[in-house]
C-alpha atoms as a PDB file:
ATOM      1  CA  MET A   1     -21.736   2.987  -3.985  1.00  0.00           C
ATOM      2  CA  ALA A   2     -20.035  -0.389  -4.230  1.00  0.00           C
ATOM      3  CA  GLU A   3     -17.027  -2.147  -2.857  1.00  0.00           C
ATOM      4  CA  ILE A   4     -14.738  -4.312  -5.039  1.00  0.00           C
ATOM      5  CA  LYS A   5     -12.431  -6.831  -3.693  1.00  0.00           C
ATOM      6  CA  ILE A   6     -10.046  -8.484  -5.991  1.00  0.00           C
ATOM      7  CA  ARG A   7      -7.626 -11.238  -4.963  1.00  0.00           C
ATOM      8  CA  ASN A   8      -4.991 -13.169  -7.197  1.00  0.00           C
ATOM      9  CA  LEU A   9      -7.240 -12.564 -10.271  1.00  0.00           C
ATOM     10  CA  HIS A  10      -5.655 -14.348 -13.301  1.00  0.00           C
ATOM     11  CA  LYS A  11      -7.027 -14.674 -16.843  1.00  0.00           C
ATOM     12  CA  GLU A  12      -5.581 -16.769 -19.629  1.00  0.00           C
ATOM     13  CA  PHE A  13      -6.642 -17.320 -23.132  1.00  0.00           C
ATOM     14  CA  GLY A  14      -5.672 -20.634 -25.139  1.00  0.00           C
ATOM     15  CA  THR A  15      -3.597 -23.310 -24.157  1.00  0.00           C
ATOM     16  CA  GLY A  16      -0.095 -24.654 -24.643  1.00  0.00           C
ATOM     17  CA  ALA A  17       1.962 -22.635 -27.035  1.00  0.00           C
ATOM     18  CA  ASP A  18      -1.029 -20.638 -27.916  1.00  0.00           C
ATOM     19  CA  LYS A  19      -1.554 -19.394 -24.252  1.00  0.00           C
ATOM     20  CA  VAL A  20      -1.918 -15.670 -23.764  1.00  0.00           C
ATOM     21  CA  VAL A  21      -1.775 -14.215 -20.099  1.00  0.00           C
ATOM     22  CA  ALA A  22      -4.265 -11.372 -20.096  1.00  0.00           C
ATOM     23  CA  LEU A  23      -4.237 -10.695 -16.208  1.00  0.00           C
ATOM     24  CA  GLU A  24      -1.651 -11.833 -13.841  1.00  0.00           C
ATOM     25  CA  ASP A  25      -2.478 -12.301 -10.226  1.00  0.00           C
ATOM     26  CA  VAL A  26      -4.158  -8.737  -9.740  1.00  0.00           C
ATOM     27  CA  ASN A  27      -4.933  -7.771  -6.230  1.00  0.00           C
ATOM     28  CA  LEU A  28      -7.063  -4.622  -5.634  1.00  0.00           C
ATOM     29  CA  ASP A  29      -9.588  -2.842  -3.458  1.00  0.00           C
ATOM     30  CA  MET A  30     -11.848  -0.109  -4.940  1.00  0.00           C
ATOM     31  CA  GLY A  31     -15.007   1.299  -3.815  1.00  0.00           C
ATOM     32  CA  GLY A  32     -17.054   4.204  -2.452  1.00  0.00           C
ATOM     33  CA  HIS A  33     -17.670   7.396  -4.343  1.00  0.00           C
ATOM     34  CA  VAL A  34     -14.563   7.022  -6.466  1.00  0.00           C
ATOM     35  CA  PHE A  35     -13.883   7.389 -10.061  1.00  0.00           C
ATOM     36  CA  VAL A  36     -11.038   4.919 -11.066  1.00  0.00           C
ATOM     37  CA  SER A  37      -9.425   4.953 -14.636  1.00  0.00           C
ATOM     38  CA  ILE A  38      -7.561   1.893 -15.861  1.00  0.00           C
ATOM     39  CA  VAL A  39      -4.820   2.864 -18.438  1.00  0.00           C
ATOM     40  CA  GLY A  40      -2.033   0.913 -20.169  1.00  0.00           C
ATOM     41  CA  PRO A  41      -0.910  -0.016 -23.789  1.00  0.00           C
ATOM     42  CA  SER A  42      -3.057  -2.094 -26.088  1.00  0.00           C
ATOM     43  CA  GLY A  43      -3.311  -5.807 -25.035  1.00  0.00           C
ATOM     44  CA  CYS A  44      -2.537  -5.225 -21.321  1.00  0.00           C
ATOM     45  CA  GLY A  45      -5.852  -6.438 -20.143  1.00  0.00           C
ATOM     46  CA  LYS A  46      -7.756  -3.271 -19.456  1.00  0.00           C
ATOM     47  CA  SER A  47     -10.837  -4.486 -21.121  1.00  0.00           C
ATOM     48  CA  THR A  48     -10.550  -7.979 -19.945  1.00  0.00           C
ATOM     49  CA  LEU A  49     -10.466  -6.801 -16.355  1.00  0.00           C
ATOM     50  CA  LEU A  50     -13.644  -4.714 -17.063  1.00  0.00           C
ATOM     51  CA  ASN A  51     -15.408  -7.708 -18.557  1.00  0.00           C
ATOM     52  CA  ILE A  52     -14.485  -9.902 -15.587  1.00  0.00           C
ATOM     53  CA  LEU A  53     -15.750  -7.146 -13.181  1.00  0.00           C
ATOM     54  CA  SER A  54     -18.946  -6.758 -15.187  1.00  0.00           C
ATOM     55  CA  GLY A  55     -19.539 -10.452 -15.513  1.00  0.00           C
ATOM     56  CA  ILE A  56     -19.076 -10.884 -19.284  1.00  0.00           C
ATOM     57  CA  GLU A  57     -16.060 -13.036 -18.661  1.00  0.00           C
ATOM     58  CA  THR A  58     -14.902 -15.318 -16.021  1.00  0.00           C
ATOM     59  CA  PRO A  59     -11.308 -15.503 -14.554  1.00  0.00           C
ATOM     60  CA  THR A  60      -9.168 -18.513 -14.944  1.00  0.00           C
ATOM     61  CA  SER A  61      -8.374 -18.399 -11.155  1.00  0.00           C
ATOM     62  CA  GLY A  62      -8.529 -15.933  -8.218  1.00  0.00           C
ATOM     63  CA  SER A  63     -11.590 -14.226  -6.546  1.00  0.00           C
ATOM     64  CA  LEU A  64     -13.810 -11.199  -6.963  1.00  0.00           C
ATOM     65  CA  GLU A  65     -16.487  -9.638  -4.776  1.00  0.00           C
ATOM     66  CA  ILE A  66     -18.549  -6.707  -5.853  1.00  0.00           C
ATOM     67  CA  THR A  67     -20.934  -5.776  -3.090  1.00  0.00           C
ATOM     68  CA  GLN A  68     -23.147  -2.917  -1.958  1.00  0.00           C
ATOM     69  CA  SER A  69     -24.157  -2.899   1.850  1.00  0.00           C
ATOM     70  CA  GLY A  70     -23.291  -6.574   2.151  1.00  0.00           C
ATOM     71  CA  HIS A  71     -25.195  -7.725  -0.813  1.00  0.00           C
ATOM     72  CA  LYS A  72     -24.176  -8.314  -4.572  1.00  0.00           C
ATOM     73  CA  ALA A  73     -23.882  -4.924  -6.360  1.00  0.00           C
ATOM     74  CA  ALA A  74     -25.988  -4.041  -9.410  1.00  0.00           C
ATOM     75  CA  PRO A  75     -23.821  -3.150 -12.279  1.00  0.00           C
ATOM     76  CA  GLY A  76     -24.183  -0.926 -15.257  1.00  0.00           C
ATOM     77  CA  TYR A  77     -22.065  -0.867 -18.418  1.00  0.00           C
ATOM     78  CA  VAL A  78     -21.301   1.699 -21.053  1.00  0.00           C
ATOM     79  CA  PHE A  79     -19.595   0.290 -24.263  1.00  0.00           C
ATOM     80  CA  GLN A  80     -17.360   1.851 -26.688  1.00  0.00           C
ATOM     81  CA  ALA A  81     -20.305   2.423 -29.003  1.00  0.00           C
ATOM     82  CA  ALA A  82     -23.566   3.242 -27.926  1.00  0.00           C
ATOM     83  CA  ARG A  83     -25.284  -0.014 -29.156  1.00  0.00           C
ATOM     84  CA  LEU A  84     -28.848   1.481 -29.326  1.00  0.00           C
ATOM     85  CA  LEU A  85     -31.517  -0.206 -30.988  1.00  0.00           C
ATOM     86  CA  PRO A  86     -32.149   1.596 -34.226  1.00  0.00           C
ATOM     87  CA  TRP A  87     -35.897   0.679 -34.545  1.00  0.00           C
ATOM     88  CA  ARG A  88     -36.688   2.110 -31.051  1.00  0.00           C
ATOM     89  CA  THR A  89     -36.974   5.776 -29.906  1.00  0.00           C
ATOM     90  CA  VAL A  90     -34.393   7.126 -27.498  1.00  0.00           C
ATOM     91  CA  MET A  91     -36.962   6.844 -24.670  1.00  0.00           C
ATOM     92  CA  ASP A  92     -37.745   3.133 -25.617  1.00  0.00           C
ATOM     93  CA  ASN A  93     -34.001   2.238 -25.709  1.00  0.00           C
ATOM     94  CA  LEU A  94     -33.889   3.495 -22.132  1.00  0.00           C
ATOM     95  CA  LEU A  95     -37.007   1.616 -21.225  1.00  0.00           C
ATOM     96  CA  PHE A  96     -35.921  -1.509 -22.819  1.00  0.00           C
ATOM     97  CA  VAL A  97     -33.464  -2.144 -19.998  1.00  0.00           C
ATOM     98  CA  GLN A  98     -35.941  -1.423 -17.239  1.00  0.00           C
ATOM     99  CA  GLN A  99     -37.692  -3.840 -15.210  1.00  0.00           C
ATOM    100  CA  ASP A 100     -41.086  -2.309 -15.725  1.00  0.00           C
ATOM    101  CA  LYS A 101     -42.374   0.552 -17.830  1.00  0.00           C
ATOM    102  CA  SER A 102     -44.443   2.491 -15.050  1.00  0.00           C
ATOM    103  CA  ASP A 103     -44.801   6.297 -15.038  1.00  0.00           C
ATOM    104  CA  GLU A 104     -42.085   6.449 -12.279  1.00  0.00           C
ATOM    105  CA  THR A 105     -39.655   4.495 -14.496  1.00  0.00           C
ATOM    106  CA  ARG A 106     -40.302   6.780 -17.490  1.00  0.00           C
ATOM    107  CA  ALA A 107     -39.844   9.862 -15.218  1.00  0.00           C
ATOM    108  CA  ARG A 108     -36.541   8.411 -13.942  1.00  0.00           C
ATOM    109  CA  CYS A 109     -35.252   7.779 -17.560  1.00  0.00           C
ATOM    110  CA  GLN A 110     -36.402  11.392 -18.531  1.00  0.00           C
ATOM    111  CA  LYS A 111     -34.407  12.739 -15.768  1.00  0.00           C
ATOM    112  CA  TYR A 112     -31.311  11.201 -16.930  1.00  0.00           C
ATOM    113  CA  LEU A 113     -31.865  12.213 -20.606  1.00  0.00           C
ATOM    114  CA  GLU A 114     -32.055  15.659 -19.285  1.00  0.00           C
ATOM    115  CA  MET A 115     -28.751  15.129 -17.332  1.00  0.00           C
ATOM    116  CA  VAL A 116     -26.976  14.437 -20.684  1.00  0.00           C
ATOM    117  CA  GLN A 117     -28.823  17.502 -22.359  1.00  0.00           C
ATOM    118  CA  LEU A 118     -31.247  15.346 -24.421  1.00  0.00           C
ATOM    119  CA  GLY A 119     -34.436  15.949 -22.492  1.00  0.00           C
ATOM    120  CA  ASP A 120     -36.078  16.786 -25.717  1.00  0.00           C
ATOM    121  CA  LYS A 121     -34.956  14.001 -27.825  1.00  0.00           C
ATOM    122  CA  GLY A 122     -36.953  11.055 -26.224  1.00  0.00           C
ATOM    123  CA  ASP A 123     -39.111  10.509 -29.170  1.00  0.00           C
ATOM    124  CA  LYS A 124     -36.178  10.684 -31.856  1.00  0.00           C
ATOM    125  CA  PHE A 125     -34.772   7.487 -33.412  1.00  0.00           C
ATOM    126  CA  PRO A 126     -30.935   6.779 -33.013  1.00  0.00           C
ATOM    127  CA  GLY A 127     -30.334   7.418 -36.754  1.00  0.00           C
ATOM    128  CA  GLU A 128     -31.728  11.052 -36.223  1.00  0.00           C
ATOM    129  CA  LEU A 129     -28.830  11.695 -33.556  1.00  0.00           C
ATOM    130  CA  SER A 130     -25.096  12.489 -33.879  1.00  0.00           C
ATOM    131  CA  GLY A 131     -22.545   9.884 -32.654  1.00  0.00           C
ATOM    132  CA  GLY A 132     -22.117  12.051 -29.703  1.00  0.00           C
ATOM    133  CA  MET A 133     -25.777  12.352 -28.905  1.00  0.00           C
ATOM    134  CA  GLN A 134     -26.031   8.516 -29.280  1.00  0.00           C
ATOM    135  CA  GLN A 135     -23.153   8.060 -26.677  1.00  0.00           C
ATOM    136  CA  ARG A 136     -24.992  10.505 -24.475  1.00  0.00           C
ATOM    137  CA  VAL A 137     -28.174   8.259 -24.754  1.00  0.00           C
ATOM    138  CA  GLY A 138     -25.976   5.173 -23.955  1.00  0.00           C
ATOM    139  CA  ILE A 139     -24.714   6.988 -20.782  1.00  0.00           C
ATOM    140  CA  ALA A 140     -28.131   8.010 -19.794  1.00  0.00           C
ATOM    141  CA  ARG A 141     -29.412   4.361 -20.252  1.00  0.00           C
ATOM    142  CA  ALA A 142     -26.531   2.985 -18.091  1.00  0.00           C
ATOM    143  CA  PHE A 143     -27.331   5.564 -15.212  1.00  0.00           C
ATOM    144  CA  SER A 144     -31.123   5.000 -15.583  1.00  0.00           C
ATOM    145  CA  ILE A 145     -30.958   1.572 -14.197  1.00  0.00           C
ATOM    146  CA  GLU A 146     -29.406   3.289 -11.164  1.00  0.00           C
ATOM    147  CA  PRO A 147     -26.510   0.704 -10.833  1.00  0.00           C
ATOM    148  CA  ASP A 148     -24.150   0.648  -7.702  1.00  0.00           C
ATOM    149  CA  VAL A 149     -21.201   0.519  -9.821  1.00  0.00           C
ATOM    150  CA  LEU A 150     -20.846   1.655 -13.559  1.00  0.00           C
ATOM    151  CA  PHE A 151     -18.227   0.212 -15.781  1.00  0.00           C
ATOM    152  CA  MET A 152     -17.138   2.133 -18.975  1.00  0.00           C
ATOM    153  CA  ASP A 153     -14.911   0.811 -21.604  1.00  0.00           C
ATOM    154  CA  GLU A 154     -13.287   3.696 -23.758  1.00  0.00           C
ATOM    155  CA  PRO A 155     -16.912   5.377 -24.158  1.00  0.00           C
ATOM    156  CA  PHE A 156     -15.359   8.461 -26.005  1.00  0.00           C
ATOM    157  CA  SER A 157     -12.717   6.882 -28.040  1.00  0.00           C
ATOM    158  CA  HIS A 158     -14.507   6.998 -31.247  1.00  0.00           C
ATOM    159  CA  LEU A 159     -15.521  10.769 -30.770  1.00  0.00           C
ATOM    160  CA  ASP A 160     -13.991  13.913 -31.982  1.00  0.00           C
ATOM    161  CA  ALA A 161     -11.986  15.794 -29.323  1.00  0.00           C
ATOM    162  CA  ILE A 162     -14.653  18.503 -28.836  1.00  0.00           C
ATOM    163  CA  THR A 163     -17.449  16.133 -28.395  1.00  0.00           C
ATOM    164  CA  ALA A 164     -15.353  13.891 -26.067  1.00  0.00           C
ATOM    165  CA  ARG A 165     -14.381  16.958 -23.962  1.00  0.00           C
ATOM    166  CA  SER A 166     -17.961  17.902 -23.605  1.00  0.00           C
ATOM    167  CA  LEU A 167     -19.022  14.408 -22.531  1.00  0.00           C
ATOM    168  CA  ARG A 168     -16.432  14.069 -20.056  1.00  0.00           C
ATOM    169  CA  ARG A 169     -17.696  17.289 -18.314  1.00  0.00           C
ATOM    170  CA  GLU A 170     -21.348  15.799 -18.447  1.00  0.00           C
ATOM    171  CA  LEU A 171     -20.147  12.505 -17.127  1.00  0.00           C
ATOM    172  CA  HIS A 172     -18.214  13.967 -14.266  1.00  0.00           C
ATOM    173  CA  THR A 173     -21.002  16.159 -13.189  1.00  0.00           C
ATOM    174  CA  MET A 174     -23.431  12.806 -13.214  1.00  0.00           C
ATOM    175  CA  TRP A 175     -20.942  11.268 -11.088  1.00  0.00           C
ATOM    176  CA  ALA A 176     -20.696  13.930  -8.613  1.00  0.00           C
ATOM    177  CA  ASP A 177     -24.431  14.368  -8.395  1.00  0.00           C
ATOM    178  CA  THR A 178     -25.223  10.562  -8.140  1.00  0.00           C
ATOM    179  CA  GLY A 179     -22.361   9.303  -5.990  1.00  0.00           C
ATOM    180  CA  LYS A 180     -21.696   6.291  -8.061  1.00  0.00           C
ATOM    181  CA  THR A 181     -18.542   4.007  -8.094  1.00  0.00           C
ATOM    182  CA  ILE A 182     -17.167   4.381 -11.696  1.00  0.00           C
ATOM    183  CA  ILE A 183     -14.506   2.069 -13.286  1.00  0.00           C
ATOM    184  CA  PHE A 184     -13.345   3.616 -16.555  1.00  0.00           C
ATOM    185  CA  VAL A 185     -10.985   2.247 -19.151  1.00  0.00           C
ATOM    186  CA  THR A 186      -9.060   4.578 -21.362  1.00  0.00           C
ATOM    187  CA  HIS A 187      -5.981   4.641 -23.630  1.00  0.00           C
ATOM    188  CA  ASP A 188      -5.859   8.459 -22.950  1.00  0.00           C
ATOM    189  CA  VAL A 189      -3.743   9.391 -19.926  1.00  0.00           C
ATOM    190  CA  GLY A 190      -5.024  13.017 -20.165  1.00  0.00           C
ATOM    191  CA  GLU A 191      -8.590  11.823 -20.034  1.00  0.00           C
ATOM    192  CA  ALA A 192      -7.780   9.768 -16.996  1.00  0.00           C
ATOM    193  CA  VAL A 193      -6.153  12.603 -15.134  1.00  0.00           C
ATOM    194  CA  GLU A 194      -9.276  15.029 -15.947  1.00  0.00           C
ATOM    195  CA  LEU A 195     -11.668  12.387 -14.739  1.00  0.00           C
ATOM    196  CA  SER A 196     -10.231  10.347 -11.948  1.00  0.00           C
ATOM    197  CA  ASN A 197      -9.105  10.507  -8.437  1.00  0.00           C
ATOM    198  CA  ARG A 198      -7.417   7.015  -8.876  1.00  0.00           C
ATOM    199  CA  ILE A 199      -5.506   5.549 -11.862  1.00  0.00           C
ATOM    200  CA  LEU A 200      -4.428   1.931 -12.226  1.00  0.00           C
ATOM    201  CA  VAL A 201      -1.513   1.525 -14.690  1.00  0.00           C
ATOM    202  CA  PHE A 202      -1.252  -1.775 -16.451  1.00  0.00           C
ATOM    203  CA  ALA A 203       1.481  -3.376 -18.400  1.00  0.00           C
ATOM    204  CA  GLN A 204       1.611  -6.066 -21.065  1.00  0.00           C
ATOM    205  CA  GLY A 205       0.852  -9.488 -19.662  1.00  0.00           C
ATOM    206  CA  GLY A 206      -1.842  -8.013 -17.369  1.00  0.00           C
ATOM    207  CA  ARG A 207       0.377  -6.831 -14.596  1.00  0.00           C
ATOM    208  CA  LEU A 208      -0.670  -3.935 -12.394  1.00  0.00           C
ATOM    209  CA  GLU A 209       2.332  -1.731 -12.219  1.00  0.00           C
ATOM    210  CA  ASP A 210       1.219   1.272 -10.330  1.00  0.00           C
ATOM    211  CA  ASP A 211      -1.855   2.733  -8.330  1.00  0.00           C
ATOM    212  CA  ILE A 212      -1.835   6.419  -8.392  1.00  0.00           C
ATOM    213  CA  THR A 213      -4.051   8.895  -6.509  1.00  0.00           C
ATOM    214  CA  VAL A 214      -4.995  12.134  -8.441  1.00  0.00           C
ATOM    215  CA  ASP A 215      -5.524  14.624  -5.502  1.00  0.00           C
ATOM    216  CA  LEU A 216      -6.622  17.563  -7.541  1.00  0.00           C
ATOM    217  CA  ASP A 217      -9.716  19.717  -7.131  1.00  0.00           C
ATOM    218  CA  PHE A 218     -12.679  19.225  -9.639  1.00  0.00           C
ATOM    219  CA  PRO A 219     -13.669  20.269 -12.170  1.00  0.00           C
ATOM    220  CA  ARG A 220     -10.395  19.855 -13.988  1.00  0.00           C
ATOM    221  CA  ASP A 221      -9.476  21.013 -17.514  1.00  0.00           C
ATOM    222  CA  ALA A 222      -6.700  19.786 -19.916  1.00  0.00           C
ATOM    223  CA  ALA A 223      -5.381  23.403 -20.014  1.00  0.00           C
ATOM    224  CA  ASP A 224      -5.055  23.487 -16.370  1.00  0.00           C
ATOM    225  CA  GLU A 225      -1.387  23.620 -15.246  1.00  0.00           C
ATOM    226  CA  GLU A 226      -1.906  21.065 -12.289  1.00  0.00           C
ATOM    227  CA  VAL A 227      -3.617  18.813 -14.720  1.00  0.00           C
ATOM    228  CA  ALA A 228      -0.784  18.893 -17.351  1.00  0.00           C
ATOM    229  CA  ILE A 229       1.855  18.378 -14.473  1.00  0.00           C
ATOM    230  CA  ALA A 230      -0.333  15.362 -13.235  1.00  0.00           C
ATOM    231  CA  LYS A 231      -0.641  13.880 -16.906  1.00  0.00           C
ATOM    232  CA  ALA A 232       3.356  14.387 -17.320  1.00  0.00           C
ATOM    233  CA  SER A 233       3.755  12.493 -13.874  1.00  0.00           C
ATOM    234  CA  VAL A 234       1.717   9.508 -15.047  1.00  0.00           C
ATOM    235  CA  LEU A 235       3.465   9.415 -18.568  1.00  0.00           C
ATOM    236  CA  ARG A 236       6.742   9.391 -16.586  1.00  0.00           C
ATOM    237  CA  LYS A 237       5.391   6.188 -14.961  1.00  0.00           C
ATOM    238  CA  PHE A 238       4.877   4.813 -18.586  1.00  0.00           C
ATOM    239  CA  GLU A 239       8.472   5.521 -19.311  1.00  0.00           C
ATOM    240  CA  GLU A 240       9.575   3.880 -16.133  1.00  0.00           C
ATOM    241  CA  PHE A 241       7.805   0.781 -16.834  1.00  0.00           C
ATOM    242  CA  ASP A 242       8.759   0.896 -20.441  1.00  0.00           C
ATOM    243  CA  LEU A 243       5.225   1.075 -21.709  1.00  0.00           C
ATOM    244  CA  LEU A 244       5.354   3.895 -24.316  1.00  0.00           C
ATOM    245  CA  ALA A 245       7.122   1.780 -26.780  1.00  0.00           C
ATOM    246  CA  THR A 246       4.812  -1.346 -26.371  1.00  0.00           C
END
């Protein structure tokens, strides 16, 4: 489990008249066994924040610390698309990101394939799998390096509703079983409420407008009355901050 400290984090793209503020002086503390979702309209800096946290981009100013027991935390990343190497088998895709190819490492990869219900697909190629199965492999690959913190950028946005619902349940089970810190970007408020115990609401210009605690028992289902009420509460925040029309 990681600890994340963000102080006055600011990110700009371009210069002069073309300058765009993607994040505006964000201050946050996150960490422990938490599932944090970042929501907001398109262009509000959700993915930019995730890219900075994961080291893909650097901030214009401000500071960022991601630690585990006083040391630099090991990150994992799940993209919108699985990004599997098509010429490698499922197992080889997992082994590709490992530091070694030992029997112990292979057994660890197999464990995570089984956790996403793909224990018998290790010798298959990505082209032989459905889109949902490929994303399962991507999730297993990220967990297989056993990161301290896992960053996920709208991993279910390209999937049909039934497949996405199934993957949300599997992801949440893995989060509960492994005790990881997960930072999850989504445009779907319902998805955020189902998965998270904390929701960060961002507005255009990269402003953090609200930090919402979701204090509901797990597992959650979209059909549950409490989940529907919590979703409506978050959407009212969008109305309050005039985000729905953005």
